[in-house]
Amino acid sequence: NHYQADEAEWIGVREEAQAIFKAAQEEY
């Protein structure tokens, strides 16, 4: 969903990305 995001879009989803990454990393 966000591979082609530009910098403005990325700023808007950065917190969500960090939360998804953190949860997956903790499980791993």
mmCIF file of all heavy atoms, coordinates in Angstrom:
data_MODEL
# 
_entry.id   MODEL 
# 
loop_
_atom_site.group_PDB 
_atom_site.id 
_atom_site.type_symbol 
_atom_site.label_atom_id 
_atom_site.label_alt_id 
_atom_site.label_comp_id 
_atom_site.label_asym_id 
_atom_site.label_entity_id 
_atom_site.label_seq_id 
_atom_site.pdbx_PDB_ins_code 
_atom_site.Cartn_x 
_atom_site.Cartn_y 
_atom_site.Cartn_z 
_atom_site.occupancy 
_atom_site.B_iso_or_equiv 
_atom_site.pdbx_formal_charge 
_atom_site.auth_seq_id 
_atom_site.auth_comp_id 
_atom_site.auth_asym_id 
_atom_site.auth_atom_id 
_atom_site.pdbx_PDB_model_num 
ATOM 1   N N   . ASN A 1 1  ? 0.795  -1.227  0.000  1.00 0.00 ? 1  ASN A N   1 
ATOM 2   C CA  . ASN A 1 1  ? 0.000  0.000   0.000  1.00 0.00 ? 1  ASN A CA  1 
ATOM 3   C C   . ASN A 1 1  ? 0.829  1.280   0.000  1.00 0.00 ? 1  ASN A C   1 
ATOM 4   O O   . ASN A 1 1  ? 0.354  2.326   -0.432 1.00 0.00 ? 1  ASN A O   1 
ATOM 5   C CB  . ASN A 1 1  ? -0.951 0.018   1.203  1.00 0.00 ? 1  ASN A CB  1 
ATOM 6   C CG  . ASN A 1 1  ? -2.028 -1.029  1.086  1.00 0.00 ? 1  ASN A CG  1 
ATOM 7   O OD1 . ASN A 1 1  ? -2.413 -1.421  -0.011 1.00 0.00 ? 1  ASN A OD1 1 
ATOM 8   N ND2 . ASN A 1 1  ? -2.518 -1.506  2.213  1.00 0.00 ? 1  ASN A ND2 1 
ATOM 9   N N   . HIS A 1 2  ? 2.067  1.210   0.483  1.00 0.00 ? 2  HIS A N   1 
ATOM 10  C CA  . HIS A 1 2  ? 2.839  2.442   0.657  1.00 0.00 ? 2  HIS A CA  1 
ATOM 11  C C   . HIS A 1 2  ? 4.205  2.435   -0.039 1.00 0.00 ? 2  HIS A C   1 
ATOM 12  O O   . HIS A 1 2  ? 4.989  3.344   0.164  1.00 0.00 ? 2  HIS A O   1 
ATOM 13  C CB  . HIS A 1 2  ? 3.009  2.737   2.151  1.00 0.00 ? 2  HIS A CB  1 
ATOM 14  C CG  . HIS A 1 2  ? 1.705  2.896   2.851  1.00 0.00 ? 2  HIS A CG  1 
ATOM 15  N ND1 . HIS A 1 2  ? 0.885  3.986   2.662  1.00 0.00 ? 2  HIS A ND1 1 
ATOM 16  C CD2 . HIS A 1 2  ? 1.050  2.087   3.709  1.00 0.00 ? 2  HIS A CD2 1 
ATOM 17  C CE1 . HIS A 1 2  ? -0.213 3.837   3.388  1.00 0.00 ? 2  HIS A CE1 1 
ATOM 18  N NE2 . HIS A 1 2  ? -0.139 2.697   4.027  1.00 0.00 ? 2  HIS A NE2 1 
ATOM 19  N N   . TYR A 1 3  ? 4.459  1.435   -0.874 1.00 0.00 ? 3  TYR A N   1 
ATOM 20  C CA  . TYR A 1 3  ? 5.754  1.336   -1.549 1.00 0.00 ? 3  TYR A CA  1 
ATOM 21  C C   . TYR A 1 3  ? 6.024  2.557   -2.432 1.00 0.00 ? 3  TYR A C   1 
ATOM 22  O O   . TYR A 1 3  ? 7.140  3.044   -2.492 1.00 0.00 ? 3  TYR A O   1 
ATOM 23  C CB  . TYR A 1 3  ? 5.823  0.057   -2.389 1.00 0.00 ? 3  TYR A CB  1 
ATOM 24  C CG  . TYR A 1 3  ? 7.211  -0.263  -2.865 1.00 0.00 ? 3  TYR A CG  1 
ATOM 25  C CD1 . TYR A 1 3  ? 8.101  -0.925  -2.028 1.00 0.00 ? 3  TYR A CD1 1 
ATOM 26  C CD2 . TYR A 1 3  ? 7.633  0.093   -4.134 1.00 0.00 ? 3  TYR A CD2 1 
ATOM 27  C CE1 . TYR A 1 3  ? 9.382  -1.227  -2.447 1.00 0.00 ? 3  TYR A CE1 1 
ATOM 28  C CE2 . TYR A 1 3  ? 8.917  -0.197  -4.558 1.00 0.00 ? 3  TYR A CE2 1 
ATOM 29  C CZ  . TYR A 1 3  ? 9.792  -0.862  -3.712 1.00 0.00 ? 3  TYR A CZ  1 
ATOM 30  O OH  . TYR A 1 3  ? 11.060 -1.148  -4.118 1.00 0.00 ? 3  TYR A OH  1 
ATOM 31  N N   . GLN A 1 4  ? 5.005  3.047   -3.084 1.00 0.00 ? 4  GLN A N   1 
ATOM 32  C CA  . GLN A 1 4  ? 5.154  4.182   -4.007 1.00 0.00 ? 4  GLN A CA  1 
ATOM 33  C C   . GLN A 1 4  ? 4.867  5.530   -3.348 1.00 0.00 ? 4  GLN A C   1 
ATOM 34  O O   . GLN A 1 4  ? 4.758  6.544   -4.030 1.00 0.00 ? 4  GLN A O   1 
ATOM 35  C CB  . GLN A 1 4  ? 4.225  3.998   -5.208 1.00 0.00 ? 4  GLN A CB  1 
ATOM 36  C CG  . GLN A 1 4  ? 4.523  2.766   -6.036 1.00 0.00 ? 4  GLN A CG  1 
ATOM 37  C CD  . GLN A 1 4  ? 5.875  2.825   -6.704 1.00 0.00 ? 4  GLN A CD  1 
ATOM 38  O OE1 . GLN A 1 4  ? 6.364  3.898   -7.056 1.00 0.00 ? 4  GLN A OE1 1 
ATOM 39  N NE2 . GLN A 1 4  ? 6.503  1.676   -6.884 1.00 0.00 ? 4  GLN A NE2 1 
ATOM 40  N N   . ALA A 1 5  ? 4.757  5.542   -2.016 1.00 0.00 ? 5  ALA A N   1 
ATOM 41  C CA  . ALA A 1 5  ? 4.423  6.794   -1.316 1.00 0.00 ? 5  ALA A CA  1 
ATOM 42  C C   . ALA A 1 5  ? 5.503  7.851   -1.535 1.00 0.00 ? 5  ALA A C   1 
ATOM 43  O O   . ALA A 1 5  ? 6.694  7.552   -1.523 1.00 0.00 ? 5  ALA A O   1 
ATOM 44  C CB  . ALA A 1 5  ? 4.265  6.527   0.182  1.00 0.00 ? 5  ALA A CB  1 
ATOM 45  N N   . ASP A 1 6  ? 5.051  9.086   -1.734 1.00 0.00 ? 6  ASP A N   1 
ATOM 46  C CA  . ASP A 1 6  ? 6.021  10.181  -1.804 1.00 0.00 ? 6  ASP A CA  1 
ATOM 47  C C   . ASP A 1 6  ? 6.327  10.631  -0.376 1.00 0.00 ? 6  ASP A C   1 
ATOM 48  O O   . ASP A 1 6  ? 5.777  10.108  0.587  1.00 0.00 ? 6  ASP A O   1 
ATOM 49  C CB  . ASP A 1 6  ? 5.506  11.319  -2.687 1.00 0.00 ? 6  ASP A CB  1 
ATOM 50  C CG  . ASP A 1 6  ? 4.210  11.939  -2.180 1.00 0.00 ? 6  ASP A CG  1 
ATOM 51  O OD1 . ASP A 1 6  ? 3.924  11.866  -0.963 1.00 0.00 ? 6  ASP A OD1 1 
ATOM 52  O OD2 . ASP A 1 6  ? 3.484  12.515  -3.001 1.00 0.00 ? 6  ASP A OD2 1 
ATOM 53  N N   . GLU A 1 7  ? 7.209  11.596  -0.230 1.00 0.00 ? 7  GLU A N   1 
ATOM 54  C CA  . GLU A 1 7  ? 7.640  12.022  1.106  1.00 0.00 ? 7  GLU A CA  1 
ATOM 55  C C   . GLU A 1 7  ? 6.483  12.564  1.943  1.00 0.00 ? 7  GLU A C   1 
ATOM 56  O O   . GLU A 1 7  ? 6.409  12.311  3.145  1.00 0.00 ? 7  GLU A O   1 
ATOM 57  C CB  . GLU A 1 7  ? 8.764  13.046  1.002  1.00 0.00 ? 7  GLU A CB  1 
ATOM 58  C CG  . GLU A 1 7  ? 10.103 12.437  0.612  1.00 0.00 ? 7  GLU A CG  1 
ATOM 59  C CD  . GLU A 1 7  ? 10.578 11.324  1.541  1.00 0.00 ? 7  GLU A CD  1 
ATOM 60  O OE1 . GLU A 1 7  ? 10.506 11.476  2.780  1.00 0.00 ? 7  GLU A OE1 1 
ATOM 61  O OE2 . GLU A 1 7  ? 11.015 10.277  1.023  1.00 0.00 ? 7  GLU A OE2 1 
ATOM 62  N N   . ALA A 1 8  ? 5.566  13.287  1.325  1.00 0.00 ? 8  ALA A N   1 
ATOM 63  C CA  . ALA A 1 8  ? 4.420  13.833  2.063  1.00 0.00 ? 8  ALA A CA  1 
ATOM 64  C C   . ALA A 1 8  ? 3.531  12.703  2.581  1.00 0.00 ? 8  ALA A C   1 
ATOM 65  O O   . ALA A 1 8  ? 3.094  12.722  3.735  1.00 0.00 ? 8  ALA A O   1 
ATOM 66  C CB  . ALA A 1 8  ? 3.619  14.783  1.178  1.00 0.00 ? 8  ALA A CB  1 
ATOM 67  N N   . GLU A 1 9  ? 3.261  11.724  1.727  1.00 0.00 ? 9  GLU A N   1 
ATOM 68  C CA  . GLU A 1 9  ? 2.464  10.570  2.155  1.00 0.00 ? 9  GLU A CA  1 
ATOM 69  C C   . GLU A 1 9  ? 3.189  9.789   3.250  1.00 0.00 ? 9  GLU A C   1 
ATOM 70  O O   . GLU A 1 9  ? 2.567  9.321   4.198  1.00 0.00 ? 9  GLU A O   1 
ATOM 71  C CB  . GLU A 1 9  ? 2.174  9.644   0.974  1.00 0.00 ? 9  GLU A CB  1 
ATOM 72  C CG  . GLU A 1 9  ? 1.241  10.231  -0.057 1.00 0.00 ? 9  GLU A CG  1 
ATOM 73  C CD  . GLU A 1 9  ? 1.175  9.405   -1.326 1.00 0.00 ? 9  GLU A CD  1 
ATOM 74  O OE1 . GLU A 1 9  ? 2.230  8.947   -1.815 1.00 0.00 ? 9  GLU A OE1 1 
ATOM 75  O OE2 . GLU A 1 9  ? 0.049  9.218   -1.812 1.00 0.00 ? 9  GLU A OE2 1 
ATOM 76  N N   . TRP A 1 10 ? 4.511  9.641   3.085  1.00 0.00 ? 10 TRP A N   1 
ATOM 77  C CA  . TRP A 1 10 ? 5.296  8.896   4.059  1.00 0.00 ? 10 TRP A CA  1 
ATOM 78  C C   . TRP A 1 10 ? 5.189  9.532   5.448  1.00 0.00 ? 10 TRP A C   1 
ATOM 79  O O   . TRP A 1 10 ? 5.013  8.825   6.447  1.00 0.00 ? 10 TRP A O   1 
ATOM 80  C CB  . TRP A 1 10 ? 6.759  8.804   3.630  1.00 0.00 ? 10 TRP A CB  1 
ATOM 81  C CG  . TRP A 1 10 ? 7.611  8.288   4.733  1.00 0.00 ? 10 TRP A CG  1 
ATOM 82  C CD1 . TRP A 1 10 ? 8.590  8.948   5.376  1.00 0.00 ? 10 TRP A CD1 1 
ATOM 83  C CD2 . TRP A 1 10 ? 7.516  7.014   5.366  1.00 0.00 ? 10 TRP A CD2 1 
ATOM 84  N NE1 . TRP A 1 10 ? 9.124  8.169   6.374  1.00 0.00 ? 10 TRP A NE1 1 
ATOM 85  C CE2 . TRP A 1 10 ? 8.483  6.978   6.387  1.00 0.00 ? 10 TRP A CE2 1 
ATOM 86  C CE3 . TRP A 1 10 ? 6.705  5.902   5.189  1.00 0.00 ? 10 TRP A CE3 1 
ATOM 87  C CZ2 . TRP A 1 10 ? 8.670  5.874   7.209  1.00 0.00 ? 10 TRP A CZ2 1 
ATOM 88  C CZ3 . TRP A 1 10 ? 6.884  4.799   6.011  1.00 0.00 ? 10 TRP A CZ3 1 
ATOM 89  C CH2 . TRP A 1 10 ? 7.855  4.791   7.000  1.00 0.00 ? 10 TRP A CH2 1 
ATOM 90  N N   . ILE A 1 11 ? 5.248  10.848  5.511  1.00 0.00 ? 11 ILE A N   1 
ATOM 91  C CA  . ILE A 1 11 ? 5.125  11.545  6.797  1.00 0.00 ? 11 ILE A CA  1 
ATOM 92  C C   . ILE A 1 11 ? 3.797  11.187  7.461  1.00 0.00 ? 11 ILE A C   1 
ATOM 93  O O   . ILE A 1 11 ? 3.732  10.977  8.672  1.00 0.00 ? 11 ILE A O   1 
ATOM 94  C CB  . ILE A 1 11 ? 5.291  13.063  6.612  1.00 0.00 ? 11 ILE A CB  1 
ATOM 95  C CG1 . ILE A 1 11 ? 6.748  13.374  6.247  1.00 0.00 ? 11 ILE A CG1 1 
ATOM 96  C CG2 . ILE A 1 11 ? 4.862  13.825  7.855  1.00 0.00 ? 11 ILE A CG2 1 
ATOM 97  C CD1 . ILE A 1 11 ? 6.991  14.793  5.786  1.00 0.00 ? 11 ILE A CD1 1 
ATOM 98  N N   . GLY A 1 12 ? 2.755  11.051  6.660  1.00 0.00 ? 12 GLY A N   1 
ATOM 99  C CA  . GLY A 1 12 ? 1.434  10.727  7.186  1.00 0.00 ? 12 GLY A CA  1 
ATOM 100 C C   . GLY A 1 12 ? 1.285  9.312   7.699  1.00 0.00 ? 12 GLY A C   1 
ATOM 101 O O   . GLY A 1 12 ? 0.422  9.040   8.536  1.00 0.00 ? 12 GLY A O   1 
ATOM 102 N N   . VAL A 1 13 ? 2.099  8.382   7.219  1.00 0.00 ? 13 VAL A N   1 
ATOM 103 C CA  . VAL A 1 13 ? 1.961  6.966   7.623  1.00 0.00 ? 13 VAL A CA  1 
ATOM 104 C C   . VAL A 1 13 ? 3.146  6.480   8.452  1.00 0.00 ? 13 VAL A C   1 
ATOM 105 O O   . VAL A 1 13 ? 3.187  5.312   8.837  1.00 0.00 ? 13 VAL A O   1 
ATOM 106 C CB  . VAL A 1 13 ? 1.764  6.049   6.399  1.00 0.00 ? 13 VAL A CB  1 
ATOM 107 C CG1 . VAL A 1 13 ? 0.482  6.398   5.649  1.00 0.00 ? 13 VAL A CG1 1 
ATOM 108 C CG2 . VAL A 1 13 ? 2.974  6.070   5.476  1.00 0.00 ? 13 VAL A CG2 1 
ATOM 109 N N   . ARG A 1 14 ? 4.082  7.352   8.738  1.00 0.00 ? 14 ARG A N   1 
ATOM 110 C CA  . ARG A 1 14 ? 5.298  6.936   9.454  1.00 0.00 ? 14 ARG A CA  1 
ATOM 111 C C   . ARG A 1 14 ? 5.000  6.303   10.811 1.00 0.00 ? 14 ARG A C   1 
ATOM 112 O O   . ARG A 1 14 ? 5.562  5.267   11.156 1.00 0.00 ? 14 ARG A O   1 
ATOM 113 C CB  . ARG A 1 14 ? 6.248  8.117   9.598  1.00 0.00 ? 14 ARG A CB  1 
ATOM 114 C CG  . ARG A 1 14 ? 7.554  7.739   10.251 1.00 0.00 ? 14 ARG A CG  1 
ATOM 115 C CD  . ARG A 1 14 ? 8.577  8.828   10.216 1.00 0.00 ? 14 ARG A CD  1 
ATOM 116 N NE  . ARG A 1 14 ? 8.004  10.139  10.493 1.00 0.00 ? 14 ARG A NE  1 
ATOM 117 C CZ  . ARG A 1 14 ? 8.505  11.263  10.027 1.00 0.00 ? 14 ARG A CZ  1 
ATOM 118 N NH1 . ARG A 1 14 ? 9.572  11.255  9.274  1.00 0.00 ? 14 ARG A NH1 1 
ATOM 119 N NH2 . ARG A 1 14 ? 7.945  12.418  10.320 1.00 0.00 ? 14 ARG A NH2 1 
ATOM 120 N N   . GLU A 1 15 ? 4.114  6.900   11.590 1.00 0.00 ? 15 GLU A N   1 
ATOM 121 C CA  . GLU A 1 15 ? 3.794  6.333   12.909 1.00 0.00 ? 15 GLU A CA  1 
ATOM 122 C C   . GLU A 1 15 ? 3.165  4.952   12.784 1.00 0.00 ? 15 GLU A C   1 
ATOM 123 O O   . GLU A 1 15 ? 3.468  4.050   13.568 1.00 0.00 ? 15 GLU A O   1 
ATOM 124 C CB  . GLU A 1 15 ? 2.878  7.271   13.695 1.00 0.00 ? 15 GLU A CB  1 
ATOM 125 C CG  . GLU A 1 15 ? 3.609  8.482   14.242 1.00 0.00 ? 15 GLU A CG  1 
ATOM 126 C CD  . GLU A 1 15 ? 2.718  9.348   15.119 1.00 0.00 ? 15 GLU A CD  1 
ATOM 127 O OE1 . GLU A 1 15 ? 1.777  8.812   15.749 1.00 0.00 ? 15 GLU A OE1 1 
ATOM 128 O OE2 . GLU A 1 15 ? 2.971  10.560  15.162 1.00 0.00 ? 15 GLU A OE2 1 
ATOM 129 N N   . GLU A 1 16 ? 2.291  4.785   11.813 1.00 0.00 ? 16 GLU A N   1 
ATOM 130 C CA  . GLU A 1 16 ? 1.683  3.468   11.579 1.00 0.00 ? 16 GLU A CA  1 
ATOM 131 C C   . GLU A 1 16 ? 2.756  2.458   11.184 1.00 0.00 ? 16 GLU A C   1 
ATOM 132 O O   . GLU A 1 16 ? 2.755  1.321   11.657 1.00 0.00 ? 16 GLU A O   1 
ATOM 133 C CB  . GLU A 1 16 ? 0.612  3.563   10.495 1.00 0.00 ? 16 GLU A CB  1 
ATOM 134 C CG  . GLU A 1 16 ? -0.079 2.242   10.213 1.00 0.00 ? 16 GLU A CG  1 
ATOM 135 C CD  . GLU A 1 16 ? -1.082 2.321   9.074  1.00 0.00 ? 16 GLU A CD  1 
ATOM 136 O OE1 . GLU A 1 16 ? -1.253 3.393   8.470  1.00 0.00 ? 16 GLU A OE1 1 
ATOM 137 O OE2 . GLU A 1 16 ? -1.700 1.283   8.791  1.00 0.00 ? 16 GLU A OE2 1 
ATOM 138 N N   . ALA A 1 17 ? 3.678  2.865   10.331 1.00 0.00 ? 17 ALA A N   1 
ATOM 139 C CA  . ALA A 1 17 ? 4.784  1.981   9.919  1.00 0.00 ? 17 ALA A CA  1 
ATOM 140 C C   . ALA A 1 17 ? 5.610  1.557   11.121 1.00 0.00 ? 17 ALA A C   1 
ATOM 141 O O   . ALA A 1 17 ? 5.962  0.381   11.264 1.00 0.00 ? 17 ALA A O   1 
ATOM 142 C CB  . ALA A 1 17 ? 5.669  2.689   8.894  1.00 0.00 ? 17 ALA A CB  1 
ATOM 143 N N   . GLN A 1 18 ? 5.916  2.498   11.986 1.00 0.00 ? 18 GLN A N   1 
ATOM 144 C CA  . GLN A 1 18 ? 6.715  2.188   13.163 1.00 0.00 ? 18 GLN A CA  1 
ATOM 145 C C   . GLN A 1 18 ? 5.980  1.212   14.078 1.00 0.00 ? 18 GLN A C   1 
ATOM 146 O O   . GLN A 1 18 ? 6.586  0.296   14.630 1.00 0.00 ? 18 GLN A O   1 
ATOM 147 C CB  . GLN A 1 18 ? 7.078  3.474   13.906 1.00 0.00 ? 18 GLN A CB  1 
ATOM 148 C CG  . GLN A 1 18 ? 8.071  4.310   13.135 1.00 0.00 ? 18 GLN A CG  1 
ATOM 149 C CD  . GLN A 1 18 ? 8.287  5.695   13.730 1.00 0.00 ? 18 GLN A CD  1 
ATOM 150 O OE1 . GLN A 1 18 ? 7.474  6.196   14.495 1.00 0.00 ? 18 GLN A OE1 1 
ATOM 151 N NE2 . GLN A 1 18 ? 9.399  6.314   13.360 1.00 0.00 ? 18 GLN A NE2 1 
ATOM 152 N N   . ALA A 1 19 ? 4.675  1.384   14.247 1.00 0.00 ? 19 ALA A N   1 
ATOM 153 C CA  . ALA A 1 19 ? 3.897  0.494   15.114 1.00 0.00 ? 19 ALA A CA  1 
ATOM 154 C C   . ALA A 1 19 ? 3.829  -0.922  14.544 1.00 0.00 ? 19 ALA A C   1 
ATOM 155 O O   . ALA A 1 19 ? 4.001  -1.909  15.279 1.00 0.00 ? 19 ALA A O   1 
ATOM 156 C CB  . ALA A 1 19 ? 2.490  1.056   15.309 1.00 0.00 ? 19 ALA A CB  1 
ATOM 157 N N   . ILE A 1 20 ? 3.599  -1.030  13.243 1.00 0.00 ? 20 ILE A N   1 
ATOM 158 C CA  . ILE A 1 20 ? 3.538  -2.342  12.594 1.00 0.00 ? 20 ILE A CA  1 
ATOM 159 C C   . ILE A 1 20 ? 4.894  -3.034  12.689 1.00 0.00 ? 20 ILE A C   1 
ATOM 160 O O   . ILE A 1 20 ? 4.987  -4.219  13.012 1.00 0.00 ? 20 ILE A O   1 
ATOM 161 C CB  . ILE A 1 20 ? 3.076  -2.203  11.127 1.00 0.00 ? 20 ILE A CB  1 
ATOM 162 C CG1 . ILE A 1 20 ? 1.609  -1.798  11.081 1.00 0.00 ? 20 ILE A CG1 1 
ATOM 163 C CG2 . ILE A 1 20 ? 3.305  -3.495  10.346 1.00 0.00 ? 20 ILE A CG2 1 
ATOM 164 C CD1 . ILE A 1 20 ? 1.119  -1.397  9.713  1.00 0.00 ? 20 ILE A CD1 1 
ATOM 165 N N   . PHE A 1 21 ? 5.950  -2.290  12.414 1.00 0.00 ? 21 PHE A N   1 
ATOM 166 C CA  . PHE A 1 21 ? 7.299  -2.840  12.472 1.00 0.00 ? 21 PHE A CA  1 
ATOM 167 C C   . PHE A 1 21 ? 7.630  -3.298  13.889 1.00 0.00 ? 21 PHE A C   1 
ATOM 168 O O   . PHE A 1 21 ? 8.129  -4.403  14.096 1.00 0.00 ? 21 PHE A O   1 
ATOM 169 C CB  . PHE A 1 21 ? 8.311  -1.793  11.998 1.00 0.00 ? 21 PHE A CB  1 
ATOM 170 C CG  . PHE A 1 21 ? 9.727  -2.284  12.036 1.00 0.00 ? 21 PHE A CG  1 
ATOM 171 C CD1 . PHE A 1 21 ? 10.235 -3.015  10.980 1.00 0.00 ? 21 PHE A CD1 1 
ATOM 172 C CD2 . PHE A 1 21 ? 10.546 -2.028  13.116 1.00 0.00 ? 21 PHE A CD2 1 
ATOM 173 C CE1 . PHE A 1 21 ? 11.546 -3.484  11.008 1.00 0.00 ? 21 PHE A CE1 1 
ATOM 174 C CE2 . PHE A 1 21 ? 11.850 -2.488  13.155 1.00 0.00 ? 21 PHE A CE2 1 
ATOM 175 C CZ  . PHE A 1 21 ? 12.348 -3.220  12.098 1.00 0.00 ? 21 PHE A CZ  1 
ATOM 176 N N   . LYS A 1 22 ? 7.345  -2.481  14.876 1.00 0.00 ? 22 LYS A N   1 
ATOM 177 C CA  . LYS A 1 22 ? 7.668  -2.799  16.266 1.00 0.00 ? 22 LYS A CA  1 
ATOM 178 C C   . LYS A 1 22 ? 6.950  -4.063  16.717 1.00 0.00 ? 22 LYS A C   1 
ATOM 179 O O   . LYS A 1 22 ? 7.555  -4.947  17.331 1.00 0.00 ? 22 LYS A O   1 
ATOM 180 C CB  . LYS A 1 22 ? 7.307  -1.624  17.175 1.00 0.00 ? 22 LYS A CB  1 
ATOM 181 C CG  . LYS A 1 22 ? 7.620  -1.870  18.631 1.00 0.00 ? 22 LYS A CG  1 
ATOM 182 C CD  . LYS A 1 22 ? 7.253  -0.676  19.482 1.00 0.00 ? 22 LYS A CD  1 
ATOM 183 C CE  . LYS A 1 22 ? 7.528  -0.974  20.951 1.00 0.00 ? 22 LYS A CE  1 
ATOM 184 N NZ  . LYS A 1 22 ? 7.091  0.098   21.827 1.00 0.00 ? 22 LYS A NZ  1 
ATOM 185 N N   . ALA A 1 23 ? 5.665  -4.177  16.436 1.00 0.00 ? 23 ALA A N   1 
ATOM 186 C CA  . ALA A 1 23 ? 4.895  -5.360  16.836 1.00 0.00 ? 23 ALA A CA  1 
ATOM 187 C C   . ALA A 1 23 ? 5.436  -6.622  16.168 1.00 0.00 ? 23 ALA A C   1 
ATOM 188 O O   . ALA A 1 23 ? 5.586  -7.665  16.819 1.00 0.00 ? 23 ALA A O   1 
ATOM 189 C CB  . ALA A 1 23 ? 3.421  -5.164  16.503 1.00 0.00 ? 23 ALA A CB  1 
ATOM 190 N N   . ALA A 1 24 ? 5.756  -6.540  14.885 1.00 0.00 ? 24 ALA A N   1 
ATOM 191 C CA  . ALA A 1 24 ? 6.285  -7.703  14.165 1.00 0.00 ? 24 ALA A CA  1 
ATOM 192 C C   . ALA A 1 24 ? 7.663  -8.082  14.690 1.00 0.00 ? 24 ALA A C   1 
ATOM 193 O O   . ALA A 1 24 ? 7.974  -9.262  14.868 1.00 0.00 ? 24 ALA A O   1 
ATOM 194 C CB  . ALA A 1 24 ? 6.344  -7.414  12.662 1.00 0.00 ? 24 ALA A CB  1 
ATOM 195 N N   . GLN A 1 25 ? 8.483  -7.088  14.946 1.00 0.00 ? 25 GLN A N   1 
ATOM 196 C CA  . GLN A 1 25 ? 9.832  -7.358  15.443 1.00 0.00 ? 25 GLN A CA  1 
ATOM 197 C C   . GLN A 1 25 ? 9.786  -7.992  16.833 1.00 0.00 ? 25 GLN A C   1 
ATOM 198 O O   . GLN A 1 25 ? 10.527 -8.929  17.114 1.00 0.00 ? 25 GLN A O   1 
ATOM 199 C CB  . GLN A 1 25 ? 10.659 -6.080  15.461 1.00 0.00 ? 25 GLN A CB  1 
ATOM 200 C CG  . GLN A 1 25 ? 12.116 -6.332  15.812 1.00 0.00 ? 25 GLN A CG  1 
ATOM 201 C CD  . GLN A 1 25 ? 12.937 -5.068  15.724 1.00 0.00 ? 25 GLN A CD  1 
ATOM 202 O OE1 . GLN A 1 25 ? 12.530 -4.035  16.242 1.00 0.00 ? 25 GLN A OE1 1 
ATOM 203 N NE2 . GLN A 1 25 ? 14.077 -5.161  15.078 1.00 0.00 ? 25 GLN A NE2 1 
ATOM 204 N N   . GLU A 1 26 ? 8.903  -7.510  17.692 1.00 0.00 ? 26 GLU A N   1 
ATOM 205 C CA  . GLU A 1 26 ? 8.786  -8.088  19.032 1.00 0.00 ? 26 GLU A CA  1 
ATOM 206 C C   . GLU A 1 26 ? 8.355  -9.545  18.963 1.00 0.00 ? 26 GLU A C   1 
ATOM 207 O O   . GLU A 1 26 ? 8.883  -10.389 19.690 1.00 0.00 ? 26 GLU A O   1 
ATOM 208 C CB  . GLU A 1 26 ? 7.802  -7.278  19.878 1.00 0.00 ? 26 GLU A CB  1 
ATOM 209 C CG  . GLU A 1 26 ? 8.374  -5.951  20.311 1.00 0.00 ? 26 GLU A CG  1 
ATOM 210 C CD  . GLU A 1 26 ? 7.369  -5.052  21.016 1.00 0.00 ? 26 GLU A CD  1 
ATOM 211 O OE1 . GLU A 1 26 ? 6.169  -5.406  21.081 1.00 0.00 ? 26 GLU A OE1 1 
ATOM 212 O OE2 . GLU A 1 26 ? 7.794  -3.976  21.486 1.00 0.00 ? 26 GLU A OE2 1 
ATOM 213 N N   . GLU A 1 27 ? 7.431  -9.868  18.087 1.00 0.00 ? 27 GLU A N   1 
ATOM 214 C CA  . GLU A 1 27 ? 6.999  -11.265 17.929 1.00 0.00 ? 27 GLU A CA  1 
ATOM 215 C C   . GLU A 1 27 ? 8.138  -12.111 17.387 1.00 0.00 ? 27 GLU A C   1 
ATOM 216 O O   . GLU A 1 27 ? 8.383  -13.215 17.855 1.00 0.00 ? 27 GLU A O   1 
ATOM 217 C CB  . GLU A 1 27 ? 5.782  -11.353 17.005 1.00 0.00 ? 27 GLU A CB  1 
ATOM 218 C CG  . GLU A 1 27 ? 5.242  -12.764 16.858 1.00 0.00 ? 27 GLU A CG  1 
ATOM 219 C CD  . GLU A 1 27 ? 4.724  -13.343 18.162 1.00 0.00 ? 27 GLU A CD  1 
ATOM 220 O OE1 . GLU A 1 27 ? 4.033  -12.636 18.914 1.00 0.00 ? 27 GLU A OE1 1 
ATOM 221 O OE2 . GLU A 1 27 ? 5.018  -14.523 18.435 1.00 0.00 ? 27 GLU A OE2 1 
ATOM 222 N N   . TYR A 1 28 ? 8.844  -11.597 16.389 1.00 0.00 ? 28 TYR A N   1 
ATOM 223 C CA  . TYR A 1 28 ? 9.971  -12.326 15.802 1.00 0.00 ? 28 TYR A CA  1 
ATOM 224 C C   . TYR A 1 28 ? 11.051 -12.587 16.847 1.00 0.00 ? 28 TYR A C   1 
ATOM 225 O O   . TYR A 1 28 ? 11.629 -13.665 16.895 1.00 0.00 ? 28 TYR A O   1 
ATOM 226 C CB  . TYR A 1 28 ? 10.553 -11.541 14.618 1.00 0.00 ? 28 TYR A CB  1 
ATOM 227 C CG  . TYR A 1 28 ? 11.879 -12.088 14.164 1.00 0.00 ? 28 TYR A CG  1 
ATOM 228 C CD1 . TYR A 1 28 ? 11.937 -13.267 13.430 1.00 0.00 ? 28 TYR A CD1 1 
ATOM 229 C CD2 . TYR A 1 28 ? 13.076 -11.450 14.492 1.00 0.00 ? 28 TYR A CD2 1 
ATOM 230 C CE1 . TYR A 1 28 ? 13.157 -13.791 13.033 1.00 0.00 ? 28 TYR A CE1 1 
ATOM 231 C CE2 . TYR A 1 28 ? 14.292 -11.969 14.100 1.00 0.00 ? 28 TYR A CE2 1 
ATOM 232 C CZ  . TYR A 1 28 ? 14.331 -13.137 13.368 1.00 0.00 ? 28 TYR A CZ  1 
ATOM 233 O OH  . TYR A 1 28 ? 15.534 -13.657 12.992 1.00 0.00 ? 28 TYR A OH  1 
# 
